[in-house]
C-alpha atoms as a PDB file:
ATOM      1  CA  MET A   1    -233.424  81.166 130.496  1.00  0.00           C
ATOM      2  CA  PHE A   2    -233.359  77.754 132.100  1.00  0.00           C
ATOM      3  CA  ASN A   3    -236.266  77.192 130.493  1.00  0.00           C
ATOM      4  CA  SER A   4    -234.839  77.581 127.144  1.00  0.00           C
ATOM      5  CA  ILE A   5    -231.912  75.770 127.894  1.00  0.00           C
ATOM      6  CA  THR A   6    -233.424  72.860 129.115  1.00  0.00           C
ATOM      7  CA  PRO A   7    -234.734  71.654 125.971  1.00  0.00           C
ATOM      8  CA  TYR A   8    -231.101  71.530 124.706  1.00  0.00           C
ATOM      9  CA  LEU A   9    -230.066  69.886 127.404  1.00  0.00           C
ATOM     10  CA  LEU A  10    -232.326  67.261 127.908  1.00  0.00           C
ATOM     11  CA  VAL A  11    -231.868  66.403 124.005  1.00  0.00           C
ATOM     12  CA  ALA A  12    -227.953  66.763 124.763  1.00  0.00           C
ATOM     13  CA  LEU A  13    -228.693  64.687 127.428  1.00  0.00           C
ATOM     14  CA  LEU A  14    -230.751  62.133 125.437  1.00  0.00           C
ATOM     15  CA  ILE A  15    -228.205  62.126 122.650  1.00  0.00           C
ATOM     16  CA  THR A  16    -225.452  61.365 124.978  1.00  0.00           C
ATOM     17  CA  ALA A  17    -227.426  58.648 126.768  1.00  0.00           C
ATOM     18  CA  GLY A  18    -228.182  56.896 123.528  1.00  0.00           C
ATOM     19  CA  THR A  19    -224.927  57.393 122.282  1.00  0.00           C
ATOM     20  CA  SER A  20    -223.406  55.637 125.120  1.00  0.00           C
ATOM     21  CA  LEU A  21    -226.283  53.217 124.736  1.00  0.00           C
ATOM     22  CA  ALA A  22    -224.977  51.921 121.085  1.00  0.00           C
ATOM     23  CA  VAL A  23    -221.453  52.318 121.912  1.00  0.00           C
ATOM     24  CA  ILE A  24    -222.228  49.903 125.077  1.00  0.00           C
ATOM     25  CA  GLN A  25    -224.293  47.530 123.316  1.00  0.00           C
ATOM     26  CA  ILE A  26    -221.812  47.345 120.531  1.00  0.00           C
ATOM     27  CA  LYS A  27    -218.694  46.831 123.070  1.00  0.00           C
ATOM     28  CA  ASN A  28    -220.962  43.719 124.316  1.00  0.00           C
ATOM     29  CA  ASN A  29    -222.192  42.468 121.099  1.00  0.00           C
ATOM     30  CA  ARG A  30    -217.736  42.399 120.540  1.00  0.00           C
ATOM     31  CA  ILE A  31    -217.244  41.305 123.855  1.00  0.00           C
ATOM     32  CA  ASP A  32    -219.958  38.326 123.074  1.00  0.00           C
ATOM     33  CA  ALA A  33    -218.787  37.750 119.537  1.00  0.00           C
ATOM     34  CA  LEU A  34    -214.852  37.274 121.241  1.00  0.00           C
ATOM     35  CA  ILE A  35    -216.550  34.985 123.866  1.00  0.00           C
ATOM     36  CA  LYS A  36    -218.077  32.446 121.140  1.00  0.00           C
ATOM     37  CA  GLU A  37    -214.940  32.728 118.729  1.00  0.00           C
ATOM     38  CA  GLN A  38    -212.671  32.012 122.355  1.00  0.00           C
ATOM     39  CA  ALA A  39    -215.321  28.644 122.971  1.00  0.00           C
ATOM     40  CA  ALA A  40    -215.036  27.785 119.367  1.00  0.00           C
ATOM     41  CA  PHE A  41    -210.946  27.860 119.608  1.00  0.00           C
ATOM     42  CA  ILE A  42    -210.786  25.777 122.574  1.00  0.00           C
ATOM     43  CA  ALA A  43    -213.707  23.707 121.308  1.00  0.00           C
ATOM     44  CA  ALA A  44    -211.273  22.981 118.067  1.00  0.00           C
ATOM     45  CA  ILE A  45    -208.041  22.551 120.304  1.00  0.00           C
ATOM     46  CA  ASP A  46    -210.179  19.980 122.535  1.00  0.00           C
ATOM     47  CA  ILE A  47    -211.283  18.066 119.290  1.00  0.00           C
ATOM     48  CA  ALA A  48    -207.787  17.922 118.140  1.00  0.00           C
ATOM     49  CA  THR A  49    -206.277  16.902 121.025  1.00  0.00           C
ATOM     50  CA  LYS A  50    -208.401  13.899 121.305  1.00  0.00           C
ATOM     51  CA  ASP A  51    -208.010  13.236 117.386  1.00  0.00           C
ATOM     52  CA  ALA A  52    -204.229  13.429 118.447  1.00  0.00           C
ATOM     53  CA  GLU A  53    -204.747  11.071 121.684  1.00  0.00           C
ATOM     54  CA  ILE A  54    -206.595   8.757 119.843  1.00  0.00           C
ATOM     55  CA  LYS A  55    -203.797   7.958 116.952  1.00  0.00           C
ATOM     56  CA  VAL A  56    -201.190   8.015 119.786  1.00  0.00           C
ATOM     57  CA  GLN A  57    -203.104   5.163 121.496  1.00  0.00           C
ATOM     58  CA  GLN A  58    -204.042   3.299 117.820  1.00  0.00           C
ATOM     59  CA  LYS A  59    -200.089   3.629 117.544  1.00  0.00           C
ATOM     60  CA  GLU A  60    -198.858   2.038 120.261  1.00  0.00           C
ATOM     61  CA  LYS A  61    -201.369  -0.469 120.187  1.00  0.00           C
ATOM     62  CA  GLN A  62    -199.946  -1.228 116.388  1.00  0.00           C
ATOM     63  CA  TYR A  63    -196.346  -1.106 118.123  1.00  0.00           C
ATOM     64  CA  ALA A  64    -197.303  -3.329 121.319  1.00  0.00           C
ATOM     65  CA  GLU A  65    -198.726  -5.629 118.381  1.00  0.00           C
ATOM     66  CA  ALA A  66    -196.074  -5.722 116.178  1.00  0.00           C
ATOM     67  CA  LYS A  67    -193.228  -6.134 119.209  1.00  0.00           C
ATOM     68  CA  GLU A  68    -195.201  -9.341 120.557  1.00  0.00           C
ATOM     69  CA  SER A  69    -195.237 -10.862 116.602  1.00  0.00           C
ATOM     70  CA  ALA A  70    -191.603  -9.956 116.753  1.00  0.00           C
ATOM     71  CA  ASP A  71    -191.052 -11.189 120.048  1.00  0.00           C
ATOM     72  CA  ALA A  72    -193.079 -14.272 119.011  1.00  0.00           C
ATOM     73  CA  LYS A  73    -191.335 -15.194 116.007  1.00  0.00           C
ATOM     74  CA  TYR A  74    -188.183 -14.963 117.724  1.00  0.00           C
ATOM     75  CA  GLN A  75    -188.669 -17.389 120.542  1.00  0.00           C
ATOM     76  CA  ASP A  76    -190.463 -19.453 117.496  1.00  0.00           C
ATOM     77  CA  THR A  77    -186.732 -19.241 115.601  1.00  0.00           C
ATOM     78  CA  ILE A  78    -185.386 -20.208 119.119  1.00  0.00           C
ATOM     79  CA  ALA A  79    -186.985 -23.220 119.485  1.00  0.00           C
ATOM     80  CA  ARG A  80    -186.307 -24.343 115.930  1.00  0.00           C
ATOM     81  CA  LEU A  81    -182.972 -23.766 116.337  1.00  0.00           C
ATOM     82  CA  LYS A  82    -182.355 -25.469 119.540  1.00  0.00           C
ATOM     83  CA  LEU A  83    -184.444 -28.525 118.123  1.00  0.00           C
ATOM     84  CA  ASP A  84    -182.276 -28.368 114.968  1.00  0.00           C
ATOM     85  CA  ALA A  85    -178.870 -28.388 117.230  1.00  0.00           C
ATOM     86  CA  ASN A  86    -180.041 -30.907 118.725  1.00  0.00           C
ATOM     87  CA  SER A  87    -180.794 -33.377 116.216  1.00  0.00           C
ATOM     88  CA  LEU A  88    -177.674 -32.346 114.675  1.00  0.00           C
ATOM     89  CA  ARG A  89    -176.041 -33.513 118.068  1.00  0.00           C
ATOM     90  CA  ILE A  90    -177.828 -36.655 118.537  1.00  0.00           C
ATOM     91  CA  GLU A  91    -176.930 -37.499 114.756  1.00  0.00           C
ATOM     92  CA  ARG A  92    -173.254 -36.746 114.617  1.00  0.00           C
ATOM     93  CA  ASP A  93    -173.158 -38.643 118.022  1.00  0.00           C
ATOM     94  CA  LYS A  94    -175.480 -41.572 116.383  1.00  0.00           C
ATOM     95  CA  ALA A  95    -172.802 -41.432 113.497  1.00  0.00           C
ATOM     96  CA  ARG A  96    -169.720 -41.299 115.548  1.00  0.00           C
ATOM     97  CA  SER A  97    -171.166 -44.391 117.654  1.00  0.00           C
ATOM     98  CA  THR A  98    -171.199 -46.397 114.412  1.00  0.00           C
ATOM     99  CA  ALA A  99    -168.359 -44.881 112.599  1.00  0.00           C
ATOM    100  CA  LEU A 100    -165.535 -44.891 114.583  1.00  0.00           C
ATOM    101  CA  SER A 101    -164.196 -48.418 116.521  1.00  0.00           C
ATOM    102  CA  ASN A 102    -164.291 -48.775 120.411  1.00  0.00           C
ATOM    103  CA  ILE A 103    -161.185 -47.363 120.899  1.00  0.00           C
ATOM    104  CA  ALA A 104    -161.672 -44.103 118.741  1.00  0.00           C
ATOM    105  CA  ARG A 105    -165.072 -43.863 120.805  1.00  0.00           C
ATOM    106  CA  ARG A 106    -162.709 -44.122 123.797  1.00  0.00           C
ATOM    107  CA  SER A 107    -159.930 -41.641 122.846  1.00  0.00           C
ATOM    108  CA  LYS A 108    -159.745 -38.163 124.111  1.00  0.00           C
ATOM    109  CA  ASP A 109    -158.684 -36.914 120.056  1.00  0.00           C
ATOM    110  CA  PRO A 110    -161.035 -39.643 117.631  1.00  0.00           C
ATOM    111  CA  ASP A 111    -159.418 -37.293 114.912  1.00  0.00           C
ATOM    112  CA  ARG A 112    -156.095 -38.559 115.565  1.00  0.00           C
ATOM    113  CA  LEU A 113    -156.929 -41.908 115.034  1.00  0.00           C
ATOM    114  CA  CYS A 114    -158.391 -41.269 111.800  1.00  0.00           C
ATOM    115  CA  PHE A 115    -156.286 -40.699 108.453  1.00  0.00           C
ATOM    116  CA  ASN A 116    -155.441 -37.181 107.195  1.00  0.00           C
ATOM    117  CA  ARG A 117    -156.635 -37.177 103.900  1.00  0.00           C
ATOM    118  CA  THR A 118    -153.669 -34.486 102.598  1.00  0.00           C
ATOM    119  CA  LYS A 119    -151.220 -36.307 104.360  1.00  0.00           C
ATOM    120  CA  LEU A 120    -152.454 -39.796 102.192  1.00  0.00           C
ATOM    121  CA  GLU A 121    -152.161 -38.249  99.175  1.00  0.00           C
ATOM    122  CA  ARG A 122    -148.905 -37.055  99.548  1.00  0.00           C
ATOM    123  CA  ALA A 123    -147.850 -40.716 100.686  1.00  0.00           C
ATOM    124  CA  ILE A 124    -150.053 -42.510  97.478  1.00  0.00           C
ATOM    125  CA  GLU A 125    -148.157 -39.590  95.724  1.00  0.00           C
ATOM    126  CA  GLN A 126    -144.700 -40.166  96.550  1.00  0.00           C
ATOM    127  CA  PHE A 127    -145.635 -44.179  96.407  1.00  0.00           C
ATOM    128  CA  GLU A 128    -146.577 -42.949  92.309  1.00  0.00           C
ATOM    129  CA  GLN A 129    -143.330 -41.610  91.839  1.00  0.00           C
ATOM    130  CA  GLY A 130    -141.174 -44.351  93.131  1.00  0.00           C
ATOM    131  CA  VAL A 131    -143.324 -46.822  91.577  1.00  0.00           C
ATOM    132  CA  SER A 132    -142.619 -44.622  88.434  1.00  0.00           C
ATOM    133  CA  GLY A 133    -138.850 -44.361  88.738  1.00  0.00           C
ATOM    134  CA  ILE A 134    -138.354 -48.454  89.359  1.00  0.00           C
ATOM    135  CA  ALA A 135    -141.011 -49.012  86.670  1.00  0.00           C
ATOM    136  CA  GLY A 136    -137.414 -48.343  83.679  1.00  0.00           C
ATOM    137  CA  GLN A 137    -136.023 -50.915  85.569  1.00  0.00           C
ATOM    138  CA  SER A 138    -137.073 -53.979  84.050  1.00  0.00           C
ATOM    139  CA  ASP A 139    -139.864 -55.450  82.106  1.00  0.00           C
ATOM    140  CA  ASP A 140    -141.297 -58.138  84.984  1.00  0.00           C
ATOM    141  CA  ARG A 141    -141.843 -55.408  86.907  1.00  0.00           C
ATOM    142  CA  ASP A 142    -144.029 -53.302  84.647  1.00  0.00           C
ATOM    143  CA  ALA A 143    -146.379 -55.877  84.562  1.00  0.00           C
ATOM    144  CA  LYS A 144    -146.734 -55.620  88.613  1.00  0.00           C
ATOM    145  CA  LEU A 145    -146.645 -52.280  88.346  1.00  0.00           C
ATOM    146  CA  ILE A 146    -149.735 -51.922  85.962  1.00  0.00           C
ATOM    147  CA  PHE A 147    -151.929 -53.673  87.793  1.00  0.00           C
ATOM    148  CA  ILE A 148    -150.206 -51.770  91.038  1.00  0.00           C
ATOM    149  CA  ARG A 149    -151.619 -48.410  88.916  1.00  0.00           C
ATOM    150  CA  ASP A 150    -154.659 -49.821  88.121  1.00  0.00           C
ATOM    151  CA  TRP A 151    -155.324 -50.396  91.601  1.00  0.00           C
ATOM    152  CA  TYR A 152    -154.385 -46.843  92.789  1.00  0.00           C
ATOM    153  CA  ASN A 153    -156.437 -45.654  90.323  1.00  0.00           C
ATOM    154  CA  THR A 154    -159.690 -47.293  91.084  1.00  0.00           C
ATOM    155  CA  LEU A 155    -159.054 -46.534  94.696  1.00  0.00           C
ATOM    156  CA  LYS A 156    -158.151 -42.793  93.420  1.00  0.00           C
ATOM    157  CA  ASN A 157    -161.717 -42.872  91.765  1.00  0.00           C
ATOM    158  CA  MET A 158    -163.949 -43.951  94.769  1.00  0.00           C
ATOM    159  CA  LYS A 159    -163.693 -40.850  96.583  1.00  0.00           C
END
């Protein structure tokens, strides 16, 4: 009886062993495929990381260059403004020294020594009103007033 079961048992064992080997081979193939897929994924992440790092470095370089350029322009502008301010100060001092008398140059407030335009104009208007009031009083004075008016108008037009 043992001899009659043995060939079936051997066939069953061989089928089981073959099936087991096939299952193991399929699982090994799947594991190998997953390992390759993981390696490809990691490689893609590494490439993307390196690309991102390169882009970041390029942007940082661009920002640094732009900052240096802006700083240089700022320094140039400040230097030009200082030169302009100094030249204006020199011109102002030169103009003061030539336009003002010795008394005005030594004065603490030279503006007080100069004419106030609005006050001068008001005084001239009052003078003109007074002159026009007197003009009606006599013919002799009319000739003098005409002369004074002409003189005043030439002064007024010289502004």
